[in-house]
Amino acid sequence: MNKVAWIFPGQASQYVGMASDLHSDFQQARELFKRAEEVLGFDLKEVCFNGPNQVLVQTRYTQPAIFVHSCILDSILKEKGLKKDFVAGHSLGEYSALFSSGALDFKSALEAVKYRSRFMQEACDQDKGTMAAVVGMELQEVQQVLEKVEGATSANYNSPGQVAISGEVEAVAKAGELLLAAGAKRVIPLKVGGAYHSPLMEPARGKMEKVLENLKFSHFSVPVIANVSAEAVSDGDTMRQMLSRQITSPVLWYPSLRRMVELGADTFVEVGPGKVLQGLVKRAFPPKGDKPLSAEGLRVLGVDKSEDLEALEQSLQK
């Protein structure tokens, strides 16, 4: 045990004002925002700091915003000498994890994110789809019901009893009815722009393959736990395949967390905007009795703002 995993959030963790304090307080933030503007061709910090929200939530802005925010924090933590043993990222966050591992440099990773967000937005515009969260059923149970519904599939296995489904609007609605009848506690429609991690993203995956072919990977300083397989990856060829499959395949987040625990992780640090992943870790490994830590003795920490950095350093030194 006594190993640390850094985990990186994906889409839906953005908020207006994100990283503005980091930009004021750290040279790394100002430098990375400047480099991001050169790669993207627009002023990302303006969208991050001032929105408005209806612009920030658009995929072409959301994905680079979360990626850059996470990379800024990662750079600051590295400069402070903080170490990790594994990294993983939820969907888009996998690119942040690859930057953190040293496998991709900032420019290469952001260019890939730029194309990924563009292609996924185009796929959303081409085939309208949606997603829903299913509460109170395990992945295998959900998949058994989805076998009866054409056009809907499992998309995210986030924690025990929480699975997201994705697909055509009518198919997801029908699947929701059948899942409730089969014993799901709730089926909650998600406010998303499309059917992510479903076959409706196939046009995006096909286009992204060409981008990934030219993506040059460096040495992995730590393994990346891949969304698609929930296994540790430390080479570029395997990761290239994982990134391609990830666009249309389910994100196996809970199995990824379990895998890191099996490999000895006892501390999870969410690096990026929001606290979504911290919540998923706590749901995946809930406290036992009146103990503050989970049954596995895990610590769950996070860093989003400048003010979080000192507290994180103190926690990791204990």
C-alpha atoms as a PDB file:
ATOM      1  CA  MET A   1       0.000   0.000   0.000  1.00  0.00           C
ATOM      2  CA  ASN A   2       1.057   3.623   0.557  1.00  0.00           C
ATOM      3  CA  LYS A   3       0.857   4.399  -3.134  1.00  0.00           C
ATOM      4  CA  VAL A   4      -0.717   7.526  -4.591  1.00  0.00           C
ATOM      5  CA  ALA A   5      -2.962   7.791  -7.653  1.00  0.00           C
ATOM      6  CA  TRP A   6      -3.670  11.082  -9.392  1.00  0.00           C
ATOM      7  CA  ILE A   7      -7.021  11.089 -11.179  1.00  0.00           C
ATOM      8  CA  PHE A   8      -8.172  13.620 -13.755  1.00  0.00           C
ATOM      9  CA  PRO A   9     -11.773  14.741 -14.408  1.00  0.00           C
ATOM     10  CA  GLY A  10     -13.643  14.741 -17.692  1.00  0.00           C
ATOM     11  CA  GLN A  11     -16.506  16.631 -19.249  1.00  0.00           C
ATOM     12  CA  ALA A  12     -19.127  18.128 -16.861  1.00  0.00           C
ATOM     13  CA  SER A  13     -16.539  19.299 -14.308  1.00  0.00           C
ATOM     14  CA  GLN A  14     -16.185  22.747 -15.895  1.00  0.00           C
ATOM     15  CA  TYR A  15     -17.521  25.956 -14.312  1.00  0.00           C
ATOM     16  CA  VAL A  16     -17.343  29.643 -15.186  1.00  0.00           C
ATOM     17  CA  GLY A  17     -14.359  31.184 -13.404  1.00  0.00           C
ATOM     18  CA  MET A  18     -12.293  27.999 -13.540  1.00  0.00           C
ATOM     19  CA  ALA A  19      -8.513  28.493 -13.213  1.00  0.00           C
ATOM     20  CA  SER A  20      -8.776  32.284 -12.904  1.00  0.00           C
ATOM     21  CA  ASP A  21      -7.078  32.235  -9.497  1.00  0.00           C
ATOM     22  CA  LEU A  22      -4.349  29.945 -10.817  1.00  0.00           C
ATOM     23  CA  HIS A  23      -3.725  32.374 -13.667  1.00  0.00           C
ATOM     24  CA  SER A  24      -3.304  35.197 -11.152  1.00  0.00           C
ATOM     25  CA  ASP A  25      -1.066  33.238  -8.787  1.00  0.00           C
ATOM     26  CA  PHE A  26       1.187  31.048 -10.967  1.00  0.00           C
ATOM     27  CA  GLN A  27       3.443  31.652 -13.935  1.00  0.00           C
ATOM     28  CA  GLN A  28       2.816  28.077 -15.116  1.00  0.00           C
ATOM     29  CA  ALA A  29      -0.864  28.919 -15.573  1.00  0.00           C
ATOM     30  CA  ARG A  30      -0.178  32.059 -17.568  1.00  0.00           C
ATOM     31  CA  GLU A  31       2.290  30.212 -19.778  1.00  0.00           C
ATOM     32  CA  LEU A  32       0.009  27.245 -20.487  1.00  0.00           C
ATOM     33  CA  PHE A  33      -2.973  29.467 -21.284  1.00  0.00           C
ATOM     34  CA  LYS A  34      -0.765  31.399 -23.715  1.00  0.00           C
ATOM     35  CA  ARG A  35       0.374  28.180 -25.385  1.00  0.00           C
ATOM     36  CA  ALA A  36      -3.214  26.928 -25.483  1.00  0.00           C
ATOM     37  CA  GLU A  37      -4.333  30.035 -27.365  1.00  0.00           C
ATOM     38  CA  GLU A  38      -1.639  29.361 -29.968  1.00  0.00           C
ATOM     39  CA  VAL A  39      -2.790  25.775 -30.452  1.00  0.00           C
ATOM     40  CA  LEU A  40      -6.548  26.397 -30.342  1.00  0.00           C
ATOM     41  CA  GLY A  41      -6.736  29.682 -32.208  1.00  0.00           C
ATOM     42  CA  PHE A  42      -8.949  31.371 -29.608  1.00  0.00           C
ATOM     43  CA  ASP A  43      -8.574  32.880 -26.136  1.00  0.00           C
ATOM     44  CA  LEU A  44      -9.384  29.917 -23.881  1.00  0.00           C
ATOM     45  CA  LYS A  45      -8.862  31.845 -20.667  1.00  0.00           C
ATOM     46  CA  GLU A  46     -11.589  34.327 -21.644  1.00  0.00           C
ATOM     47  CA  VAL A  47     -14.093  31.464 -21.953  1.00  0.00           C
ATOM     48  CA  CYS A  48     -12.879  29.818 -18.738  1.00  0.00           C
ATOM     49  CA  PHE A  49     -12.921  32.982 -16.655  1.00  0.00           C
ATOM     50  CA  ASN A  50     -16.026  34.721 -18.016  1.00  0.00           C
ATOM     51  CA  GLY A  51     -18.076  32.149 -19.912  1.00  0.00           C
ATOM     52  CA  PRO A  52     -20.918  32.561 -20.396  1.00  0.00           C
ATOM     53  CA  ASN A  53     -21.931  29.075 -19.311  1.00  0.00           C
ATOM     54  CA  GLN A  54     -23.830  28.342 -22.544  1.00  0.00           C
ATOM     55  CA  VAL A  55     -20.535  28.800 -24.391  1.00  0.00           C
ATOM     56  CA  LEU A  56     -18.317  26.975 -21.905  1.00  0.00           C
ATOM     57  CA  VAL A  57     -20.535  23.872 -21.991  1.00  0.00           C
ATOM     58  CA  GLN A  58     -20.018  23.479 -25.737  1.00  0.00           C
ATOM     59  CA  THR A  59     -17.743  20.486 -26.312  1.00  0.00           C
ATOM     60  CA  ARG A  60     -15.159  22.423 -28.347  1.00  0.00           C
ATOM     61  CA  TYR A  61     -14.579  24.706 -25.345  1.00  0.00           C
ATOM     62  CA  THR A  62     -15.295  22.326 -22.469  1.00  0.00           C
ATOM     63  CA  GLN A  63     -12.724  19.694 -23.292  1.00  0.00           C
ATOM     64  CA  PRO A  64      -9.728  22.038 -23.773  1.00  0.00           C
ATOM     65  CA  ALA A  65     -10.776  24.050 -20.691  1.00  0.00           C
ATOM     66  CA  ILE A  66     -10.762  21.021 -18.387  1.00  0.00           C
ATOM     67  CA  PHE A  67      -7.578  19.646 -19.943  1.00  0.00           C
ATOM     68  CA  VAL A  68      -5.633  22.905 -19.545  1.00  0.00           C
ATOM     69  CA  HIS A  69      -6.914  23.448 -15.978  1.00  0.00           C
ATOM     70  CA  SER A  70      -5.757  19.940 -15.029  1.00  0.00           C
ATOM     71  CA  CYS A  71      -2.368  20.369 -16.719  1.00  0.00           C
ATOM     72  CA  ILE A  72      -1.737  23.636 -14.871  1.00  0.00           C
ATOM     73  CA  LEU A  73      -2.365  21.951 -11.535  1.00  0.00           C
ATOM     74  CA  ASP A  74      -0.290  18.943 -12.543  1.00  0.00           C
ATOM     75  CA  SER A  75       2.634  21.225 -13.425  1.00  0.00           C
ATOM     76  CA  ILE A  76       2.400  23.041 -10.086  1.00  0.00           C
ATOM     77  CA  LEU A  77       2.272  19.783  -8.129  1.00  0.00           C
ATOM     78  CA  LYS A  78       5.311  18.460  -9.988  1.00  0.00           C
ATOM     79  CA  GLU A  79       7.237  21.648  -9.270  1.00  0.00           C
ATOM     80  CA  LYS A  80       6.396  21.221  -5.590  1.00  0.00           C
ATOM     81  CA  GLY A  81       7.947  17.770  -5.760  1.00  0.00           C
ATOM     82  CA  LEU A  82       4.760  15.790  -5.150  1.00  0.00           C
ATOM     83  CA  LYS A  83       4.888  12.230  -6.482  1.00  0.00           C
ATOM     84  CA  LYS A  84       2.384   9.695  -7.717  1.00  0.00           C
ATOM     85  CA  ASP A  85       2.512   6.008  -8.612  1.00  0.00           C
ATOM     86  CA  PHE A  86      -0.421   5.756 -11.034  1.00  0.00           C
ATOM     87  CA  VAL A  87      -2.580   8.105 -13.068  1.00  0.00           C
ATOM     88  CA  ALA A  88      -6.008   7.729 -14.626  1.00  0.00           C
ATOM     89  CA  GLY A  89      -8.490  10.085 -16.234  1.00  0.00           C
ATOM     90  CA  HIS A  90     -12.230   9.872 -16.805  1.00  0.00           C
ATOM     91  CA  SER A  91     -12.850   9.975 -20.574  1.00  0.00           C
ATOM     92  CA  LEU A  92     -11.314  13.310 -21.674  1.00  0.00           C
ATOM     93  CA  GLY A  93      -9.259  13.173 -18.466  1.00  0.00           C
ATOM     94  CA  GLU A  94      -7.237  10.334 -19.949  1.00  0.00           C
ATOM     95  CA  TYR A  95      -5.357  12.936 -22.008  1.00  0.00           C
ATOM     96  CA  SER A  96      -4.574  14.898 -18.836  1.00  0.00           C
ATOM     97  CA  ALA A  97      -3.335  11.646 -17.290  1.00  0.00           C
ATOM     98  CA  LEU A  98      -1.064  11.028 -20.274  1.00  0.00           C
ATOM     99  CA  PHE A  99       0.395  14.521 -19.909  1.00  0.00           C
ATOM    100  CA  SER A 100       0.938  13.874 -16.205  1.00  0.00           C
ATOM    101  CA  SER A 101       2.707  10.585 -16.938  1.00  0.00           C
ATOM    102  CA  GLY A 102       5.085  12.304 -19.355  1.00  0.00           C
ATOM    103  CA  ALA A 103       3.841  10.156 -22.228  1.00  0.00           C
ATOM    104  CA  LEU A 104       2.519  13.217 -24.125  1.00  0.00           C
ATOM    105  CA  ASP A 105       3.804  16.772 -24.133  1.00  0.00           C
ATOM    106  CA  PHE A 106       1.362  19.638 -23.619  1.00  0.00           C
ATOM    107  CA  LYS A 107       1.127  20.744 -27.248  1.00  0.00           C
ATOM    108  CA  SER A 108       0.637  17.245 -28.665  1.00  0.00           C
ATOM    109  CA  ALA A 109      -1.986  16.330 -26.082  1.00  0.00           C
ATOM    110  CA  LEU A 110      -3.896  19.599 -26.513  1.00  0.00           C
ATOM    111  CA  GLU A 111      -3.888  19.261 -30.298  1.00  0.00           C
ATOM    112  CA  ALA A 112      -5.367  15.782 -29.892  1.00  0.00           C
ATOM    113  CA  VAL A 113      -7.986  17.163 -27.490  1.00  0.00           C
ATOM    114  CA  LYS A 114      -8.797  19.943 -29.974  1.00  0.00           C
ATOM    115  CA  TYR A 115      -9.548  17.429 -32.724  1.00  0.00           C
ATOM    116  CA  ARG A 116     -11.324  15.042 -30.361  1.00  0.00           C
ATOM    117  CA  SER A 117     -13.689  17.774 -29.180  1.00  0.00           C
ATOM    118  CA  ARG A 118     -14.328  18.930 -32.752  1.00  0.00           C
ATOM    119  CA  PHE A 119     -15.028  15.443 -34.079  1.00  0.00           C
ATOM    120  CA  MET A 120     -17.278  14.559 -31.150  1.00  0.00           C
ATOM    121  CA  GLN A 121     -19.241  17.784 -31.607  1.00  0.00           C
ATOM    122  CA  GLU A 122     -19.678  16.988 -35.304  1.00  0.00           C
ATOM    123  CA  ALA A 123     -20.915  13.497 -34.414  1.00  0.00           C
ATOM    124  CA  CYS A 124     -23.396  15.014 -31.934  1.00  0.00           C
ATOM    125  CA  ASP A 125     -24.692  17.388 -34.614  1.00  0.00           C
ATOM    126  CA  GLN A 126     -24.979  14.566 -37.145  1.00  0.00           C
ATOM    127  CA  ASP A 127     -26.854  12.089 -34.924  1.00  0.00           C
ATOM    128  CA  LYS A 128     -28.766  13.481 -31.988  1.00  0.00           C
ATOM    129  CA  GLY A 129     -28.357  11.277 -28.953  1.00  0.00           C
ATOM    130  CA  THR A 130     -28.514  11.448 -25.198  1.00  0.00           C
ATOM    131  CA  MET A 131     -27.449   9.761 -21.964  1.00  0.00           C
ATOM    132  CA  ALA A 132     -29.018   8.783 -18.649  1.00  0.00           C
ATOM    133  CA  ALA A 133     -27.705   7.665 -15.273  1.00  0.00           C
ATOM    134  CA  VAL A 134     -29.049   4.382 -13.908  1.00  0.00           C
ATOM    135  CA  VAL A 135     -28.996   4.128 -10.111  1.00  0.00           C
ATOM    136  CA  GLY A 136     -29.375   0.905  -8.185  1.00  0.00           C
ATOM    137  CA  MET A 137     -28.227  -1.647 -10.767  1.00  0.00           C
ATOM    138  CA  GLU A 138     -24.864  -3.186 -11.553  1.00  0.00           C
ATOM    139  CA  LEU A 139     -23.266  -3.096 -14.995  1.00  0.00           C
ATOM    140  CA  GLN A 140     -24.079  -6.686 -15.892  1.00  0.00           C
ATOM    141  CA  GLU A 141     -27.740  -6.208 -14.936  1.00  0.00           C
ATOM    142  CA  VAL A 142     -27.976  -3.049 -17.020  1.00  0.00           C
ATOM    143  CA  GLN A 143     -26.374  -4.738 -20.005  1.00  0.00           C
ATOM    144  CA  GLN A 144     -28.841  -7.628 -19.836  1.00  0.00           C
ATOM    145  CA  VAL A 145     -31.734  -5.166 -20.146  1.00  0.00           C
ATOM    146  CA  LEU A 146     -30.013  -3.207 -22.922  1.00  0.00           C
ATOM    147  CA  GLU A 147     -29.791  -6.371 -25.018  1.00  0.00           C
ATOM    148  CA  LYS A 148     -33.534  -5.904 -25.564  1.00  0.00           C
ATOM    149  CA  VAL A 149     -33.157  -2.329 -26.819  1.00  0.00           C
ATOM    150  CA  GLU A 150     -31.561  -1.484 -30.134  1.00  0.00           C
ATOM    151  CA  GLY A 151     -29.766   1.862 -30.135  1.00  0.00           C
ATOM    152  CA  ALA A 152     -28.805   2.076 -26.448  1.00  0.00           C
ATOM    153  CA  THR A 153     -25.654   0.894 -24.703  1.00  0.00           C
ATOM    154  CA  SER A 154     -23.796   1.173 -21.414  1.00  0.00           C
ATOM    155  CA  ALA A 155     -21.396   4.148 -21.413  1.00  0.00           C
ATOM    156  CA  ASN A 156     -19.845   4.634 -17.957  1.00  0.00           C
ATOM    157  CA  TYR A 157     -19.455   2.230 -15.037  1.00  0.00           C
ATOM    158  CA  ASN A 158     -18.777   4.892 -12.427  1.00  0.00           C
ATOM    159  CA  SER A 159     -19.361   3.173  -9.077  1.00  0.00           C
ATOM    160  CA  PRO A 160     -21.292   0.245  -7.635  1.00  0.00           C
ATOM    161  CA  GLY A 161     -24.938   0.753  -8.498  1.00  0.00           C
ATOM    162  CA  GLN A 162     -24.291   3.661 -10.867  1.00  0.00           C
ATOM    163  CA  VAL A 163     -24.103   3.106 -14.619  1.00  0.00           C
ATOM    164  CA  ALA A 164     -24.601   5.632 -17.408  1.00  0.00           C
ATOM    165  CA  ILE A 165     -26.325   4.556 -20.622  1.00  0.00           C
ATOM    166  CA  SER A 166     -26.030   6.264 -23.978  1.00  0.00           C
ATOM    167  CA  GLY A 167     -27.585   6.170 -27.442  1.00  0.00           C
ATOM    168  CA  GLU A 168     -30.471   7.338 -29.572  1.00  0.00           C
ATOM    169  CA  VAL A 169     -32.968   9.551 -27.743  1.00  0.00           C
ATOM    170  CA  GLU A 170     -35.950   7.214 -28.116  1.00  0.00           C
ATOM    171  CA  ALA A 171     -33.849   4.140 -27.358  1.00  0.00           C
ATOM    172  CA  VAL A 172     -32.491   5.628 -24.132  1.00  0.00           C
ATOM    173  CA  ALA A 173     -36.031   6.570 -23.068  1.00  0.00           C
ATOM    174  CA  LYS A 174     -37.296   3.030 -23.775  1.00  0.00           C
ATOM    175  CA  ALA A 175     -34.307   1.519 -21.996  1.00  0.00           C
ATOM    176  CA  GLY A 176     -35.047   3.703 -18.982  1.00  0.00           C
ATOM    177  CA  GLU A 177     -38.580   2.328 -18.735  1.00  0.00           C
ATOM    178  CA  LEU A 178     -37.348  -1.262 -18.947  1.00  0.00           C
ATOM    179  CA  LEU A 179     -34.596  -0.668 -16.412  1.00  0.00           C
ATOM    180  CA  LEU A 180     -37.052   0.771 -13.906  1.00  0.00           C
ATOM    181  CA  ALA A 181     -39.317  -2.216 -14.450  1.00  0.00           C
ATOM    182  CA  ALA A 182     -36.331  -4.519 -13.916  1.00  0.00           C
ATOM    183  CA  GLY A 183     -35.504  -2.987 -10.543  1.00  0.00           C
ATOM    184  CA  ALA A 184     -33.466   0.191 -11.073  1.00  0.00           C
ATOM    185  CA  LYS A 185     -34.101   2.729  -8.312  1.00  0.00           C
ATOM    186  CA  ARG A 186     -33.866   5.731 -10.611  1.00  0.00           C
ATOM    187  CA  VAL A 187     -33.082   6.617 -14.213  1.00  0.00           C
ATOM    188  CA  ILE A 188     -31.932  10.226 -14.481  1.00  0.00           C
ATOM    189  CA  PRO A 189     -31.645  11.969 -17.879  1.00  0.00           C
ATOM    190  CA  LEU A 190     -28.280  13.708 -18.218  1.00  0.00           C
ATOM    191  CA  LYS A 191     -27.858  17.195 -19.661  1.00  0.00           C
ATOM    192  CA  VAL A 192     -25.293  16.325 -22.299  1.00  0.00           C
ATOM    193  CA  GLY A 193     -24.815  17.288 -25.914  1.00  0.00           C
ATOM    194  CA  GLY A 194     -24.819  13.791 -27.352  1.00  0.00           C
ATOM    195  CA  ALA A 195     -24.503  10.038 -26.964  1.00  0.00           C
ATOM    196  CA  TYR A 196     -20.924   9.828 -25.730  1.00  0.00           C
ATOM    197  CA  HIS A 197     -19.163   6.451 -25.548  1.00  0.00           C
ATOM    198  CA  SER A 198     -21.735   4.853 -27.833  1.00  0.00           C
ATOM    199  CA  PRO A 199     -21.760   3.684 -31.478  1.00  0.00           C
ATOM    200  CA  LEU A 200     -23.169   7.118 -32.434  1.00  0.00           C
ATOM    201  CA  MET A 201     -19.625   8.401 -31.861  1.00  0.00           C
ATOM    202  CA  GLU A 202     -18.231   6.112 -34.574  1.00  0.00           C
ATOM    203  CA  PRO A 203     -17.724   8.999 -37.056  1.00  0.00           C
ATOM    204  CA  ALA A 204     -15.604  10.747 -34.427  1.00  0.00           C
ATOM    205  CA  ARG A 205     -13.610   7.591 -33.705  1.00  0.00           C
ATOM    206  CA  GLY A 206     -12.861   7.074 -37.396  1.00  0.00           C
ATOM    207  CA  LYS A 207     -11.566  10.621 -37.822  1.00  0.00           C
ATOM    208  CA  MET A 208      -9.653  10.497 -34.552  1.00  0.00           C
ATOM    209  CA  GLU A 209      -7.759   7.382 -35.611  1.00  0.00           C
ATOM    210  CA  LYS A 210      -5.867   9.436 -38.199  1.00  0.00           C
ATOM    211  CA  VAL A 211      -4.879  11.980 -35.532  1.00  0.00           C
ATOM    212  CA  LEU A 212      -3.773   9.240 -33.150  1.00  0.00           C
ATOM    213  CA  GLU A 213      -1.603   7.611 -35.824  1.00  0.00           C
ATOM    214  CA  ASN A 214       0.599  10.709 -35.791  1.00  0.00           C
ATOM    215  CA  LEU A 215       0.642  11.103 -32.014  1.00  0.00           C
ATOM    216  CA  LYS A 216       4.173  10.589 -30.678  1.00  0.00           C
ATOM    217  CA  PHE A 217       4.457   9.068 -27.224  1.00  0.00           C
ATOM    218  CA  SER A 218       7.427   9.433 -24.900  1.00  0.00           C
ATOM    219  CA  HIS A 219       8.452   7.387 -21.856  1.00  0.00           C
ATOM    220  CA  PHE A 220       5.671   6.755 -19.314  1.00  0.00           C
ATOM    221  CA  SER A 221       7.062   7.817 -15.927  1.00  0.00           C
ATOM    222  CA  VAL A 222       4.112   6.039 -14.266  1.00  0.00           C
ATOM    223  CA  PRO A 223       1.471   3.670 -15.662  1.00  0.00           C
ATOM    224  CA  VAL A 224      -1.847   5.007 -16.961  1.00  0.00           C
ATOM    225  CA  ILE A 225      -4.901   2.934 -16.001  1.00  0.00           C
ATOM    226  CA  ALA A 226      -6.876   2.849 -19.252  1.00  0.00           C
ATOM    227  CA  ASN A 227     -10.627   3.558 -19.407  1.00  0.00           C
ATOM    228  CA  VAL A 228     -11.316   0.768 -21.880  1.00  0.00           C
ATOM    229  CA  SER A 229      -9.493  -2.090 -20.144  1.00  0.00           C
ATOM    230  CA  ALA A 230      -9.068  -0.910 -16.521  1.00  0.00           C
ATOM    231  CA  GLU A 231      -5.486  -2.172 -16.825  1.00  0.00           C
ATOM    232  CA  ALA A 232      -2.141  -0.419 -16.458  1.00  0.00           C
ATOM    233  CA  VAL A 233      -0.638   0.782 -19.752  1.00  0.00           C
ATOM    234  CA  SER A 234       2.948   1.957 -20.136  1.00  0.00           C
ATOM    235  CA  ASP A 235       3.526   1.987 -23.895  1.00  0.00           C
ATOM    236  CA  GLY A 236       2.378   4.256 -26.698  1.00  0.00           C
ATOM    237  CA  ASP A 237       1.171   1.621 -29.156  1.00  0.00           C
ATOM    238  CA  THR A 238      -1.264   0.125 -26.648  1.00  0.00           C
ATOM    239  CA  MET A 239      -2.397   3.558 -25.476  1.00  0.00           C
ATOM    240  CA  ARG A 240      -3.068   4.667 -29.042  1.00  0.00           C
ATOM    241  CA  GLN A 241      -5.496   1.762 -29.430  1.00  0.00           C
ATOM    242  CA  MET A 242      -7.100   2.530 -26.065  1.00  0.00           C
ATOM    243  CA  LEU A 243      -7.685   6.183 -26.995  1.00  0.00           C
ATOM    244  CA  SER A 244      -9.363   5.194 -30.246  1.00  0.00           C
ATOM    245  CA  ARG A 245     -11.620   2.571 -28.662  1.00  0.00           C
ATOM    246  CA  GLN A 246     -12.452   4.884 -25.766  1.00  0.00           C
ATOM    247  CA  ILE A 247     -14.597   7.159 -27.957  1.00  0.00           C
ATOM    248  CA  THR A 248     -17.207   4.459 -28.592  1.00  0.00           C
ATOM    249  CA  SER A 249     -16.585   2.125 -25.621  1.00  0.00           C
ATOM    250  CA  PRO A 250     -17.745   2.295 -21.985  1.00  0.00           C
ATOM    251  CA  VAL A 251     -15.545   4.062 -19.442  1.00  0.00           C
ATOM    252  CA  LEU A 252     -14.734   1.382 -16.861  1.00  0.00           C
ATOM    253  CA  TRP A 253     -14.103   3.854 -14.061  1.00  0.00           C
ATOM    254  CA  TYR A 254     -15.036   1.746 -11.057  1.00  0.00           C
ATOM    255  CA  PRO A 255     -12.963  -1.229 -12.311  1.00  0.00           C
ATOM    256  CA  SER A 256     -10.093   1.231 -12.887  1.00  0.00           C
ATOM    257  CA  LEU A 257     -10.316   2.433  -9.279  1.00  0.00           C
ATOM    258  CA  ARG A 258     -10.406  -1.142  -8.049  1.00  0.00           C
ATOM    259  CA  ARG A 259      -7.383  -1.989 -10.148  1.00  0.00           C
ATOM    260  CA  MET A 260      -5.369   0.859  -8.614  1.00  0.00           C
ATOM    261  CA  VAL A 261      -6.342  -0.309  -5.128  1.00  0.00           C
ATOM    262  CA  GLU A 262      -5.230  -3.835  -6.049  1.00  0.00           C
ATOM    263  CA  LEU A 263      -1.894  -2.374  -7.180  1.00  0.00           C
ATOM    264  CA  GLY A 264      -1.452  -0.716  -3.782  1.00  0.00           C
ATOM    265  CA  ALA A 265      -3.014   2.748  -4.079  1.00  0.00           C
ATOM    266  CA  ASP A 266      -4.315   4.037  -0.759  1.00  0.00           C
ATOM    267  CA  THR A 267      -4.553   7.739  -1.672  1.00  0.00           C
ATOM    268  CA  PHE A 268      -6.494   9.262  -4.561  1.00  0.00           C
ATOM    269  CA  VAL A 269      -5.942  12.893  -5.549  1.00  0.00           C
ATOM    270  CA  GLU A 270      -8.330  14.504  -8.032  1.00  0.00           C
ATOM    271  CA  VAL A 271      -6.307  16.994 -10.086  1.00  0.00           C
ATOM    272  CA  GLY A 272      -8.581  19.417 -11.931  1.00  0.00           C
ATOM    273  CA  PRO A 273     -11.825  21.349 -11.700  1.00  0.00           C
ATOM    274  CA  GLY A 274     -14.609  20.200  -9.406  1.00  0.00           C
ATOM    275  CA  LYS A 275     -15.033  17.211  -7.118  1.00  0.00           C
ATOM    276  CA  VAL A 276     -16.871  14.718  -9.319  1.00  0.00           C
ATOM    277  CA  LEU A 277     -14.209  12.027  -9.165  1.00  0.00           C
ATOM    278  CA  GLN A 278     -13.731  12.427  -5.408  1.00  0.00           C
ATOM    279  CA  GLY A 279     -17.418  11.673  -5.043  1.00  0.00           C
ATOM    280  CA  LEU A 280     -17.144   8.581  -7.239  1.00  0.00           C
ATOM    281  CA  VAL A 281     -14.206   7.225  -5.214  1.00  0.00           C
ATOM    282  CA  LYS A 282     -16.148   7.716  -1.976  1.00  0.00           C
ATOM    283  CA  ARG A 283     -19.193   5.949  -3.438  1.00  0.00           C
ATOM    284  CA  ALA A 284     -17.006   3.150  -4.760  1.00  0.00           C
ATOM    285  CA  PHE A 285     -15.321   2.619  -1.383  1.00  0.00           C
ATOM    286  CA  PRO A 286     -17.717   3.897   1.285  1.00  0.00           C
ATOM    287  CA  PRO A 287     -16.714   4.301   4.951  1.00  0.00           C
ATOM    288  CA  LYS A 288     -17.063   1.234   7.129  1.00  0.00           C
ATOM    289  CA  GLY A 289     -19.096   1.856  10.245  1.00  0.00           C
ATOM    290  CA  ASP A 290     -18.051   5.088  11.936  1.00  0.00           C
ATOM    291  CA  LYS A 291     -14.538   5.058  10.439  1.00  0.00           C
ATOM    292  CA  PRO A 292     -13.693   8.168   8.398  1.00  0.00           C
ATOM    293  CA  LEU A 293     -11.797   6.102   5.834  1.00  0.00           C
ATOM    294  CA  SER A 294     -13.225   3.440   3.565  1.00  0.00           C
ATOM    295  CA  ALA A 295     -13.007  -0.256   4.286  1.00  0.00           C
ATOM    296  CA  GLU A 296      -9.755  -0.240   2.270  1.00  0.00           C
ATOM    297  CA  GLY A 297      -8.381   2.645   4.347  1.00  0.00           C
ATOM    298  CA  LEU A 298      -8.313   5.058   1.417  1.00  0.00           C
ATOM    299  CA  ARG A 299      -7.710   8.791   1.533  1.00  0.00           C
ATOM    300  CA  VAL A 300      -9.570  10.906  -1.026  1.00  0.00           C
ATOM    301  CA  LEU A 301      -8.152  14.364  -1.724  1.00  0.00           C
ATOM    302  CA  GLY A 302      -8.406  16.969  -4.448  1.00  0.00           C
ATOM    303  CA  VAL A 303      -6.932  20.161  -5.830  1.00  0.00           C
ATOM    304  CA  ASP A 304      -8.866  22.643  -7.973  1.00  0.00           C
ATOM    305  CA  LYS A 305      -7.951  26.142  -6.757  1.00  0.00           C
ATOM    306  CA  SER A 306      -4.836  27.889  -5.474  1.00  0.00           C
ATOM    307  CA  GLU A 307      -6.149  27.671  -1.922  1.00  0.00           C
ATOM    308  CA  ASP A 308      -6.273  23.849  -2.138  1.00  0.00           C
ATOM    309  CA  LEU A 309      -2.551  23.430  -2.743  1.00  0.00           C
ATOM    310  CA  GLU A 310      -1.238  24.012   0.789  1.00  0.00           C
ATOM    311  CA  ALA A 311      -3.880  21.753   2.329  1.00  0.00           C
ATOM    312  CA  LEU A 312      -3.045  19.016  -0.161  1.00  0.00           C
ATOM    313  CA  GLU A 313       0.680  19.232   0.613  1.00  0.00           C
ATOM    314  CA  GLN A 314      -0.014  19.003   4.343  1.00  0.00           C
ATOM    315  CA  SER A 315      -2.330  16.021   3.885  1.00  0.00           C
ATOM    316  CA  LEU A 316       0.163  14.107   1.768  1.00  0.00           C
ATOM    317  CA  GLN A 317       2.942  14.695   4.289  1.00  0.00           C
ATOM    318  CA  LYS A 318       0.968  13.079   7.126  1.00  0.00           C
END
